[in-house]
Amino acid sequence: MKRIILILSIIASISVGNTTPINIHARTRVDSVYICVSATGHKYHDNRDCHGLARCTHEIRKVSKAQAIKMGYSACKICYK
């Protein structure tokens, strides 16, 4: 759905003669990561299905990467090789 909207907006801007360049490769979502919210959790994960995260018996929360770093989490060595 997002692609259709993006394509339509590009076509519309071309048809009206908009000379402002459009960055098609711009990311439209915030970098999100997954964390295990527990006293022993200290890694953030790129993939919800990471087997390092599978051991979590507490809440798994999706947060921004910047927020996870502020909370003291570091990158999972499995997800971020």
Protein backbone atom coordinates (compact mmCIF):
# COMPACT_ATOMS: atom_id res chain seq x y z
CA MET A 1 0.00 0.00 0.00
CA LYS A 2 2.85 2.40 0.86
CA ARG A 3 4.50 1.69 -2.48
CA ILE A 4 1.31 2.50 -4.36
CA ILE A 5 0.99 5.81 -2.53
CA LEU A 6 4.66 6.60 -3.17
CA ILE A 7 4.33 5.80 -6.88
CA LEU A 8 1.18 7.88 -7.18
CA SER A 9 2.83 10.83 -5.44
CA ILE A 10 5.83 10.60 -7.78
CA ILE A 11 3.57 10.51 -10.84
CA ALA A 12 1.55 13.44 -9.49
CA SER A 13 4.68 15.52 -8.83
CA ILE A 14 6.01 14.78 -12.32
CA SER A 15 2.73 15.63 -13.98
CA VAL A 16 2.46 19.04 -12.28
CA GLY A 17 6.07 19.89 -13.03
CA ASN A 18 7.38 19.76 -9.49
CA THR A 19 11.13 20.37 -9.68
CA THR A 20 11.83 19.34 -6.08
CA PRO A 21 13.83 16.09 -6.09
CA ILE A 22 12.25 13.15 -4.29
CA ASN A 23 14.44 10.75 -2.35
CA ILE A 24 12.84 7.41 -3.21
CA HIS A 25 15.29 5.49 -1.04
CA ALA A 26 14.51 7.42 2.15
CA ARG A 27 13.49 5.18 5.00
CA THR A 28 9.90 5.65 6.01
CA ARG A 29 10.06 3.83 9.33
CA VAL A 30 12.01 4.41 12.50
CA ASP A 31 14.75 1.87 13.22
CA SER A 32 12.98 -0.51 15.56
CA VAL A 33 14.57 -3.24 17.64
CA TYR A 34 13.32 -5.84 20.09
CA ILE A 35 14.38 -6.09 23.73
CA CYS A 36 13.68 -8.52 26.54
CA VAL A 37 12.48 -6.44 29.47
CA SER A 38 14.07 -8.22 32.42
CA ALA A 39 16.81 -7.68 34.98
CA THR A 40 19.21 -9.82 32.93
CA GLY A 41 18.30 -8.62 29.42
CA HIS A 42 21.05 -6.45 27.93
CA LYS A 43 20.94 -6.97 24.14
CA TYR A 44 18.71 -5.51 21.45
CA HIS A 45 17.71 -7.62 18.48
CA ASP A 46 16.97 -6.76 14.86
CA ASN A 47 14.81 -9.84 14.34
CA ARG A 48 11.90 -10.85 16.59
CA ASP A 49 12.71 -14.49 15.80
CA CYS A 50 16.38 -14.35 16.90
CA HIS A 51 17.19 -17.44 18.94
CA GLY A 52 18.98 -15.22 21.45
CA LEU A 53 15.66 -13.49 22.12
CA ALA A 54 13.79 -16.80 22.19
CA ARG A 55 15.17 -17.47 25.68
CA CYS A 56 13.33 -14.44 27.06
CA THR A 57 10.69 -15.47 29.60
CA HIS A 58 9.59 -11.88 30.24
CA GLU A 59 8.01 -9.20 28.08
CA ILE A 60 9.47 -8.64 24.62
CA ARG A 61 9.07 -5.00 23.64
CA LYS A 62 9.59 -3.21 20.31
CA VAL A 63 11.41 0.10 20.82
CA SER A 64 13.53 2.46 18.77
CA LYS A 65 17.20 1.60 18.49
CA ALA A 66 18.14 4.94 20.07
CA GLN A 67 15.85 4.25 23.03
CA ALA A 68 17.32 0.76 23.52
CA ILE A 69 20.84 2.22 23.57
CA LYS A 70 19.76 4.88 26.10
CA MET A 71 18.38 2.08 28.27
CA GLY A 72 21.81 0.41 28.28
CA TYR A 73 21.18 -2.33 25.74
CA SER A 74 23.85 -3.28 23.20
CA ALA A 75 23.62 -5.04 19.83
CA CYS A 76 23.04 -8.80 19.69
CA LYS A 77 26.03 -10.56 18.13
CA ILE A 78 23.70 -12.95 16.31
CA CYS A 79 21.55 -10.27 14.66
CA TYR A 80 24.37 -7.79 14.01
CA LYS A 81 27.25 -9.88 12.63
